[in-house]
């Protein structure tokens, strides 16, 4: 019966009893200086580790900043290299395709045509251009001067009349063979003017091509020899 009364008392005043127990516990802890032990433990064990962790974090952050800075620098270098490469590409493209052309053959033909135009003003060489059939289409002033004939008399096959008799048939035959085989022609022979004055020459008939590699005609160049 007594135990039942005690139990009922505890149930009735449990909140009050719990408060007393809490206060008593705090009092005991205070008297035992346990709070000082907790502070000492914190300062000796926890706080140093936190400082070390903070230093490690700061160190890692510094490394990350350096890595990011290096990455940005490399990206800038790559961007500059790409711009330089693009500029070089445009320069090469313009060289390979002059005047809106589309291939290296355009450049070669353009330079070749330019050199021919310059050569035709050259008084020291006998020059002409022939179509793919071997007929002369135009000649320079030196050609008319050496042969004593007008351009109208030399174009087509008229130029062979300026070759001296002993060389004429040989040159005609060799030139026809070169045309049939689609190759350059190199020969030596003599030209004569209308007064019979002869000039020995070394002649070269060089092929000219279109973009597809087909023969367009021939560039004729003769040098006086002897």
Protein backbone atom coordinates (compact mmCIF):
# COMPACT_ATOMS: atom_id res chain seq x y z
CA UNK A 1 0.00 0.00 0.00
CA UNK A 2 2.87 2.37 0.86
CA UNK A 3 4.59 1.63 -2.43
CA UNK A 4 1.44 2.46 -4.29
CA UNK A 5 1.24 5.83 -2.58
CA UNK A 6 4.85 6.62 -3.45
CA UNK A 7 4.28 5.66 -7.07
CA UNK A 8 1.19 7.83 -7.27
CA UNK A 9 3.10 10.75 -5.70
CA UNK A 10 5.87 10.44 -8.26
CA UNK A 11 3.40 10.33 -11.15
CA UNK A 12 1.61 13.37 -9.79
CA UNK A 13 4.76 15.45 -9.29
CA UNK A 14 7.01 13.97 -12.03
CA UNK A 15 7.69 17.33 -13.71
CA UNK A 16 8.78 18.90 -10.45
CA UNK A 17 10.91 15.90 -9.56
CA UNK A 18 12.55 15.96 -13.03
CA UNK A 19 13.40 19.62 -12.54
CA UNK A 20 14.97 18.93 -9.17
CA UNK A 21 17.02 16.09 -10.63
CA UNK A 22 18.24 18.39 -13.42
CA UNK A 23 19.22 21.13 -11.00
CA UNK A 24 20.97 18.62 -8.76
CA UNK A 25 22.88 17.22 -11.73
CA UNK A 26 24.07 20.66 -12.80
CA UNK A 27 25.09 21.44 -9.23
CA UNK A 28 27.08 18.22 -8.99
CA UNK A 29 28.76 18.93 -12.36
CA UNK A 30 29.60 22.46 -11.28
CA UNK A 31 31.08 21.31 -8.02
CA UNK A 32 33.13 18.65 -9.76
CA UNK A 33 34.55 21.29 -12.20
CA UNK A 34 33.57 19.08 -15.12
CA UNK A 35 32.91 22.19 -17.22
CA UNK A 36 36.58 23.06 -16.89
CA UNK A 37 37.52 19.60 -18.11
CA UNK A 38 35.22 20.02 -21.09
CA UNK A 39 36.83 23.38 -21.96
CA UNK A 40 40.32 21.92 -21.57
CA UNK A 41 39.39 18.96 -23.76
CA UNK A 42 38.03 21.35 -26.39
CA UNK A 43 41.15 23.50 -26.41
CA UNK A 44 43.61 20.59 -26.31
CA UNK A 45 41.94 18.19 -28.71
CA UNK A 46 39.18 19.71 -30.82
CA UNK A 47 40.36 23.28 -31.40
CA UNK A 48 43.87 22.35 -32.73
CA UNK A 49 42.34 19.88 -35.18
CA UNK A 50 39.94 22.54 -36.35
CA UNK A 51 42.86 24.93 -36.97
CA UNK A 52 44.71 22.24 -38.91
CA UNK A 53 41.60 21.52 -40.96
CA UNK A 54 41.17 25.23 -41.64
CA UNK A 55 44.80 25.50 -42.82
CA UNK A 56 44.36 22.48 -45.08
CA UNK A 57 41.18 23.98 -46.51
CA UNK A 58 42.94 27.32 -47.12
CA UNK A 59 45.85 25.51 -48.76
CA UNK A 60 43.51 23.55 -51.01
CA UNK A 61 41.66 26.74 -51.90
CA UNK A 62 44.96 28.39 -52.87
CA UNK A 63 45.87 25.43 -55.07
CA UNK A 64 42.44 25.52 -56.68
CA UNK A 65 42.83 29.26 -57.36
CA UNK A 66 46.23 28.62 -58.99
CA UNK A 67 44.77 25.79 -61.08
CA UNK A 68 41.88 28.00 -62.21
CA UNK A 69 44.27 30.87 -63.03
CA UNK A 70 46.51 28.48 -65.01
CA UNK A 71 43.50 27.07 -66.83
CA UNK A 72 42.30 30.56 -67.78
CA UNK A 73 45.81 31.47 -68.98
CA UNK A 74 46.00 28.30 -71.10
CA UNK A 75 42.57 29.03 -72.56
CA UNK A 76 43.70 32.54 -73.48
CA UNK A 77 46.86 31.14 -75.12
CA UNK A 78 44.76 28.58 -77.00
CA UNK A 79 42.37 31.30 -78.13
CA UNK A 80 45.30 33.42 -79.37
CA UNK A 81 46.81 30.41 -81.16
CA UNK A 82 43.47 29.69 -82.85
CA UNK A 83 43.23 33.32 -84.00
CA UNK A 84 46.79 33.20 -85.38
CA UNK A 85 46.06 29.88 -87.10
CA UNK A 86 42.91 31.34 -88.64
CA UNK A 87 44.88 34.36 -89.87
CA UNK A 88 47.55 32.08 -91.37
CA UNK A 89 44.82 29.98 -92.99
CA UNK A 90 43.23 33.07 -94.54
CA UNK A 91 46.63 34.23 -95.83
CA UNK A 92 47.37 30.83 -97.39
CA UNK A 93 43.83 30.65 -98.76
CA UNK A 94 44.24 34.03 -100.42
CA UNK A 95 47.59 32.95 -101.88
CA UNK A 96 46.27 29.61 -103.11
CA UNK A 97 43.13 31.14 -104.58
CA UNK A 98 44.09 34.56 -106.00
CA UNK A 99 41.39 36.71 -107.57
CA UNK A 100 38.66 34.34 -106.37
CA UNK A 101 40.31 31.20 -107.71
CA UNK A 102 39.86 27.80 -106.14
CA UNK A 103 43.14 25.91 -106.30
CA UNK A 104 46.92 26.10 -106.38
CA UNK A 105 46.75 25.71 -110.15
CA UNK A 106 45.06 29.13 -110.25
CA UNK A 107 48.07 30.63 -108.50
CA UNK A 108 50.52 28.91 -110.84
CA UNK A 109 48.58 29.97 -113.92
CA UNK A 110 48.19 33.51 -112.60
CA UNK A 111 51.93 33.83 -111.95
CA UNK A 112 52.73 32.17 -115.28
CA UNK A 113 50.44 34.53 -117.19
CA UNK A 114 51.96 37.49 -115.36
CA UNK A 115 55.49 36.35 -116.26
CA UNK A 116 54.45 35.89 -119.91
CA UNK A 117 53.04 39.42 -120.01
CA UNK A 118 56.29 40.76 -118.59
CA UNK A 119 58.37 38.63 -120.98
CA UNK A 120 56.52 40.00 -124.02
CA UNK A 121 57.99 43.39 -123.23
CA UNK A 122 61.45 41.83 -123.12
CA UNK A 123 63.45 42.86 -126.21
CA UNK A 124 66.14 40.20 -125.63
CA UNK A 125 63.97 37.12 -126.29
CA UNK A 126 61.84 35.86 -129.18
CA UNK A 127 58.43 35.05 -127.72
CA UNK A 128 55.10 33.72 -128.90
CA UNK A 129 51.99 31.90 -127.73
CA UNK A 130 50.44 28.95 -129.54
CA UNK A 131 47.10 27.19 -129.13
CA UNK A 132 46.90 23.46 -128.37
CA UNK A 133 46.99 22.72 -132.11
CA UNK A 134 50.39 24.39 -132.36
CA UNK A 135 49.29 27.48 -134.30
CA UNK A 136 50.89 30.73 -133.15
CA UNK A 137 48.35 33.22 -131.82
CA UNK A 138 50.63 36.18 -131.11
CA UNK A 139 54.32 37.11 -131.21
CA UNK A 140 56.45 39.83 -129.65
CA UNK A 141 58.38 42.60 -131.40
CA UNK A 142 61.68 40.68 -131.21
CA UNK A 143 60.13 37.85 -133.26
CA UNK A 144 59.13 40.25 -136.06
CA UNK A 145 62.49 42.04 -135.91
CA UNK A 146 64.63 38.88 -136.28
CA UNK A 147 62.49 37.40 -139.07
CA UNK A 148 61.73 40.66 -140.88
CA UNK A 149 58.06 39.66 -141.02
CA UNK A 150 54.88 41.15 -139.58
CA UNK A 151 52.85 39.49 -136.84
CA UNK A 152 50.18 38.68 -139.41
CA UNK A 153 52.75 36.80 -141.49
CA UNK A 154 54.04 34.81 -138.50
CA UNK A 155 50.85 33.72 -136.71
CA UNK A 156 49.23 30.39 -137.48
CA UNK A 157 51.85 28.27 -139.28
CA UNK A 158 53.42 31.25 -141.05
CA UNK A 159 56.38 31.28 -138.67
CA UNK A 160 57.80 28.05 -140.19
CA UNK A 161 58.55 30.03 -143.37
CA UNK A 162 61.16 31.93 -141.36
CA UNK A 163 63.05 28.69 -140.58
CA UNK A 164 66.01 28.18 -142.92
CA UNK A 165 65.57 25.50 -145.56
CA UNK A 166 67.84 22.81 -144.10
CA UNK A 167 66.07 22.96 -140.70
CA UNK A 168 62.46 23.55 -141.75
CA UNK A 169 61.19 20.02 -142.45
CA UNK A 170 62.95 18.59 -139.39
CA UNK A 171 61.39 21.19 -137.08
CA UNK A 172 57.93 20.74 -138.63
CA UNK A 173 58.13 16.96 -138.15
CA UNK A 174 59.46 17.16 -134.57
CA UNK A 175 56.89 19.79 -133.59
CA UNK A 176 54.02 17.66 -134.95
CA UNK A 177 55.27 14.66 -132.95
CA UNK A 178 55.44 16.75 -129.76
CA UNK A 179 51.88 17.98 -130.32
CA UNK A 180 50.60 14.45 -130.92
CA UNK A 181 52.29 13.15 -127.77
CA UNK A 182 51.27 16.16 -125.67
CA UNK A 183 54.79 17.04 -124.54
CA UNK A 184 57.09 20.05 -124.49
CA UNK A 185 59.37 20.61 -127.47
CA UNK A 186 63.00 21.73 -127.33
CA UNK A 187 65.12 22.26 -130.43
CA UNK A 188 67.84 24.32 -132.09
CA UNK A 189 67.48 25.78 -135.59
CA UNK A 190 68.07 28.98 -137.55
CA UNK A 191 65.66 31.73 -138.52
CA UNK A 192 66.14 33.90 -141.60
CA UNK A 193 64.83 37.35 -142.47
CA UNK A 194 63.68 38.32 -145.96
CA UNK A 195 67.21 39.47 -146.86
CA UNK A 196 68.70 36.07 -146.00
CA UNK A 197 70.28 37.10 -142.70
CA UNK A 198 70.27 34.05 -140.41
CA UNK A 199 70.00 33.87 -136.61
CA UNK A 200 70.61 30.61 -134.74
CA UNK A 201 68.16 30.06 -131.87
CA UNK A 202 67.44 27.63 -129.09
CA UNK A 203 63.66 27.24 -128.89
CA UNK A 204 61.42 25.80 -126.18
CA UNK A 205 57.70 25.21 -126.55
CA UNK A 206 56.26 24.77 -123.02
CA UNK A 207 52.75 23.49 -122.28
CA UNK A 208 50.18 25.62 -120.42
CA UNK A 209 47.34 23.93 -118.50
CA UNK A 210 43.83 24.68 -117.28
CA UNK A 211 42.51 23.84 -113.78
CA UNK A 212 41.77 20.25 -114.76
CA UNK A 213 45.26 19.65 -116.12
CA UNK A 214 44.27 19.84 -119.78
CA UNK A 215 46.68 21.48 -122.22
CA UNK A 216 45.49 24.98 -123.13
CA UNK A 217 48.35 25.84 -125.43
CA UNK A 218 52.08 26.51 -125.57
CA UNK A 219 54.39 29.28 -124.49
CA UNK A 220 57.19 29.71 -127.06
CA UNK A 221 60.54 31.17 -126.05
CA UNK A 222 63.63 31.40 -128.29
CA UNK A 223 67.12 32.57 -127.37
CA UNK A 224 69.74 33.70 -129.86
CA UNK A 225 72.84 31.51 -129.76
CA UNK A 226 76.20 31.51 -131.49
